[in-house]
């Protein structure tokens, strides 16, 4: 079992920045776990969509819609994954969820709301 708690969401004007944090109840990166940490988001009336991910090897991937604006990183000493979001747009408004994805199990946080005003 892995418990994930997101924080850092809020209301920001377009063009602004926010940093989301996801605190895990265990190591976020482990060769034994062979897991990937990720961020997803869900806007009202839409399906949950992939935003970014980072593997235990440090390999990062991003959705095209956020590439160049968002940066995912992790600190294994703090069991925390971050999502730095710059140049925010109104279309980035959504609930952002942290995900711990392992070979056989996935775990999700409860989400944190991000609202970008125009």
C-alpha atoms as a PDB file:
ATOM      1  CA  UNK A   1       0.000   0.000   0.000  1.00  0.00           C
ATOM      2  CA  UNK A   2       1.091   3.544  -0.767  1.00  0.00           C
ATOM      3  CA  UNK A   3      -0.618   6.646   0.577  1.00  0.00           C
ATOM      4  CA  UNK A   4      -0.220   9.826  -1.448  1.00  0.00           C
ATOM      5  CA  UNK A   5      -1.093  13.351  -0.301  1.00  0.00           C
ATOM      6  CA  UNK A   6      -1.050  16.240  -2.747  1.00  0.00           C
ATOM      7  CA  UNK A   7      -0.717  19.887  -1.802  1.00  0.00           C
ATOM      8  CA  UNK A   8       0.109  23.236  -3.355  1.00  0.00           C
ATOM      9  CA  UNK A   9      -2.975  23.855  -5.441  1.00  0.00           C
ATOM     10  CA  UNK A  10      -4.809  27.151  -5.472  1.00  0.00           C
ATOM     11  CA  UNK A  11      -6.020  30.094  -7.502  1.00  0.00           C
ATOM     12  CA  UNK A  12      -3.557  31.877  -9.777  1.00  0.00           C
ATOM     13  CA  UNK A  13      -3.787  34.332 -12.648  1.00  0.00           C
ATOM     14  CA  UNK A  14      -2.904  33.314 -16.173  1.00  0.00           C
ATOM     15  CA  UNK A  15       0.846  33.480 -16.672  1.00  0.00           C
ATOM     16  CA  UNK A  16       1.525  32.675 -13.042  1.00  0.00           C
ATOM     17  CA  UNK A  17       3.185  29.707 -11.398  1.00  0.00           C
ATOM     18  CA  UNK A  18       2.393  27.042  -8.839  1.00  0.00           C
ATOM     19  CA  UNK A  19       4.334  24.117  -7.411  1.00  0.00           C
ATOM     20  CA  UNK A  20       2.443  20.993  -6.488  1.00  0.00           C
ATOM     21  CA  UNK A  21       3.813  18.460  -4.022  1.00  0.00           C
ATOM     22  CA  UNK A  22       2.947  14.812  -3.547  1.00  0.00           C
ATOM     23  CA  UNK A  23       4.104  13.227  -0.302  1.00  0.00           C
ATOM     24  CA  UNK A  24       4.246   9.437  -0.324  1.00  0.00           C
ATOM     25  CA  UNK A  25       4.145   7.022   2.594  1.00  0.00           C
ATOM     26  CA  UNK A  26       7.138   5.133   1.213  1.00  0.00           C
ATOM     27  CA  UNK A  27      10.103   5.671  -1.067  1.00  0.00           C
ATOM     28  CA  UNK A  28       8.999   7.171  -4.343  1.00  0.00           C
ATOM     29  CA  UNK A  29      11.822   5.580  -6.293  1.00  0.00           C
ATOM     30  CA  UNK A  30      13.112   2.080  -5.872  1.00  0.00           C
ATOM     31  CA  UNK A  31      14.784  -0.430  -8.130  1.00  0.00           C
ATOM     32  CA  UNK A  32      12.796  -3.133  -6.352  1.00  0.00           C
ATOM     33  CA  UNK A  33       9.516  -1.275  -6.914  1.00  0.00           C
ATOM     34  CA  UNK A  34      10.317  -0.482 -10.538  1.00  0.00           C
ATOM     35  CA  UNK A  35       7.693   2.228 -10.292  1.00  0.00           C
ATOM     36  CA  UNK A  36       6.870   5.474 -12.007  1.00  0.00           C
ATOM     37  CA  UNK A  37       5.566   8.607 -10.304  1.00  0.00           C
ATOM     38  CA  UNK A  38       3.148  10.719 -12.277  1.00  0.00           C
ATOM     39  CA  UNK A  39       0.736  13.618 -12.314  1.00  0.00           C
ATOM     40  CA  UNK A  40      -2.658  13.515 -13.989  1.00  0.00           C
ATOM     41  CA  UNK A  41      -5.468  16.034 -14.074  1.00  0.00           C
ATOM     42  CA  UNK A  42      -9.203  16.119 -14.531  1.00  0.00           C
ATOM     43  CA  UNK A  43     -11.193  19.155 -15.576  1.00  0.00           C
ATOM     44  CA  UNK A  44     -14.955  19.383 -14.989  1.00  0.00           C
ATOM     45  CA  UNK A  45     -16.831  17.308 -17.532  1.00  0.00           C
ATOM     46  CA  UNK A  46     -13.640  15.763 -18.881  1.00  0.00           C
ATOM     47  CA  UNK A  47     -11.800  12.506 -18.431  1.00  0.00           C
ATOM     48  CA  UNK A  48      -8.670  12.304 -16.340  1.00  0.00           C
ATOM     49  CA  UNK A  49      -5.623  12.942 -18.491  1.00  0.00           C
ATOM     50  CA  UNK A  50      -1.914  12.349 -18.227  1.00  0.00           C
ATOM     51  CA  UNK A  51       0.290  15.341 -17.442  1.00  0.00           C
ATOM     52  CA  UNK A  52       3.801  14.155 -16.613  1.00  0.00           C
ATOM     53  CA  UNK A  53       5.785  11.280 -15.141  1.00  0.00           C
ATOM     54  CA  UNK A  54       9.222  10.407 -13.823  1.00  0.00           C
ATOM     55  CA  UNK A  55      10.742   6.965 -13.450  1.00  0.00           C
ATOM     56  CA  UNK A  56      13.102   5.661 -10.791  1.00  0.00           C
ATOM     57  CA  UNK A  57      15.828   6.125 -13.388  1.00  0.00           C
ATOM     58  CA  UNK A  58      14.975   9.810 -13.603  1.00  0.00           C
ATOM     59  CA  UNK A  59      13.457   9.634 -17.068  1.00  0.00           C
ATOM     60  CA  UNK A  60      10.745  12.242 -17.505  1.00  0.00           C
ATOM     61  CA  UNK A  61       7.872  12.509 -19.944  1.00  0.00           C
ATOM     62  CA  UNK A  62       5.286  15.201 -20.526  1.00  0.00           C
ATOM     63  CA  UNK A  63       1.988  15.673 -22.292  1.00  0.00           C
ATOM     64  CA  UNK A  64       2.359  17.921 -25.321  1.00  0.00           C
ATOM     65  CA  UNK A  65       0.006  20.447 -23.754  1.00  0.00           C
ATOM     66  CA  UNK A  66       2.396  21.136 -20.854  1.00  0.00           C
ATOM     67  CA  UNK A  67       5.794  20.513 -22.439  1.00  0.00           C
ATOM     68  CA  UNK A  68       8.120  23.434 -21.862  1.00  0.00           C
ATOM     69  CA  UNK A  69       5.927  24.881 -19.091  1.00  0.00           C
ATOM     70  CA  UNK A  70       5.760  22.119 -16.447  1.00  0.00           C
ATOM     71  CA  UNK A  71       8.631  20.282 -14.782  1.00  0.00           C
ATOM     72  CA  UNK A  72       8.337  17.086 -12.747  1.00  0.00           C
ATOM     73  CA  UNK A  73      10.966  16.176 -10.183  1.00  0.00           C
ATOM     74  CA  UNK A  74      11.384  13.962  -7.173  1.00  0.00           C
ATOM     75  CA  UNK A  75      13.244  13.922  -3.879  1.00  0.00           C
ATOM     76  CA  UNK A  76      13.612  10.403  -2.563  1.00  0.00           C
ATOM     77  CA  UNK A  77      14.994  11.656   0.751  1.00  0.00           C
ATOM     78  CA  UNK A  78      11.642  13.335   1.353  1.00  0.00           C
ATOM     79  CA  UNK A  79       9.462  10.752  -0.412  1.00  0.00           C
ATOM     80  CA  UNK A  80       8.031  13.657  -2.405  1.00  0.00           C
ATOM     81  CA  UNK A  81       7.344  14.342  -6.067  1.00  0.00           C
ATOM     82  CA  UNK A  82       6.890  17.875  -7.351  1.00  0.00           C
ATOM     83  CA  UNK A  83       5.233  19.475 -10.336  1.00  0.00           C
ATOM     84  CA  UNK A  84       6.472  22.966 -11.093  1.00  0.00           C
ATOM     85  CA  UNK A  85       3.914  24.694 -13.284  1.00  0.00           C
ATOM     86  CA  UNK A  86       4.874  27.922 -15.055  1.00  0.00           C
ATOM     87  CA  UNK A  87       3.099  30.087 -17.611  1.00  0.00           C
ATOM     88  CA  UNK A  88      -0.218  28.723 -16.465  1.00  0.00           C
ATOM     89  CA  UNK A  89      -3.236  28.996 -18.731  1.00  0.00           C
ATOM     90  CA  UNK A  90      -6.972  28.906 -17.962  1.00  0.00           C
ATOM     91  CA  UNK A  91      -7.129  25.527 -19.695  1.00  0.00           C
ATOM     92  CA  UNK A  92      -4.793  24.140 -17.021  1.00  0.00           C
ATOM     93  CA  UNK A  93      -7.653  24.467 -14.538  1.00  0.00           C
ATOM     94  CA  UNK A  94      -8.337  21.018 -13.098  1.00  0.00           C
ATOM     95  CA  UNK A  95      -7.966  18.747 -10.119  1.00  0.00           C
ATOM     96  CA  UNK A  96      -4.412  17.423 -10.175  1.00  0.00           C
ATOM     97  CA  UNK A  97      -3.761  13.875  -8.979  1.00  0.00           C
ATOM     98  CA  UNK A  98      -0.533  12.179  -8.028  1.00  0.00           C
ATOM     99  CA  UNK A  99      -0.055   8.555  -9.102  1.00  0.00           C
ATOM    100  CA  UNK A 100       2.337   5.844  -7.969  1.00  0.00           C
ATOM    101  CA  UNK A 101       2.400   3.251 -10.739  1.00  0.00           C
ATOM    102  CA  UNK A 102       3.999  -0.116 -10.073  1.00  0.00           C
ATOM    103  CA  UNK A 103       4.223  -3.316 -12.129  1.00  0.00           C
ATOM    104  CA  UNK A 104       1.052  -4.705 -10.561  1.00  0.00           C
ATOM    105  CA  UNK A 105      -0.586  -1.912  -8.545  1.00  0.00           C
ATOM    106  CA  UNK A 106      -1.423   1.763  -8.967  1.00  0.00           C
ATOM    107  CA  UNK A 107      -2.134   4.223  -6.169  1.00  0.00           C
ATOM    108  CA  UNK A 108      -3.727   7.652  -6.377  1.00  0.00           C
ATOM    109  CA  UNK A 109      -3.840  10.671  -4.128  1.00  0.00           C
ATOM    110  CA  UNK A 110      -7.016  12.581  -3.321  1.00  0.00           C
ATOM    111  CA  UNK A 111      -6.188  15.455  -5.665  1.00  0.00           C
ATOM    112  CA  UNK A 112      -5.570  19.161  -5.337  1.00  0.00           C
ATOM    113  CA  UNK A 113      -7.510  21.878  -7.154  1.00  0.00           C
ATOM    114  CA  UNK A 114      -5.715  24.261  -9.504  1.00  0.00           C
ATOM    115  CA  UNK A 115      -7.696  27.185 -10.870  1.00  0.00           C
ATOM    116  CA  UNK A 116      -6.211  29.598 -13.396  1.00  0.00           C
ATOM    117  CA  UNK A 117      -8.106  32.824 -13.981  1.00  0.00           C
ATOM    118  CA  UNK A 118      -7.912  34.764 -17.220  1.00  0.00           C
END
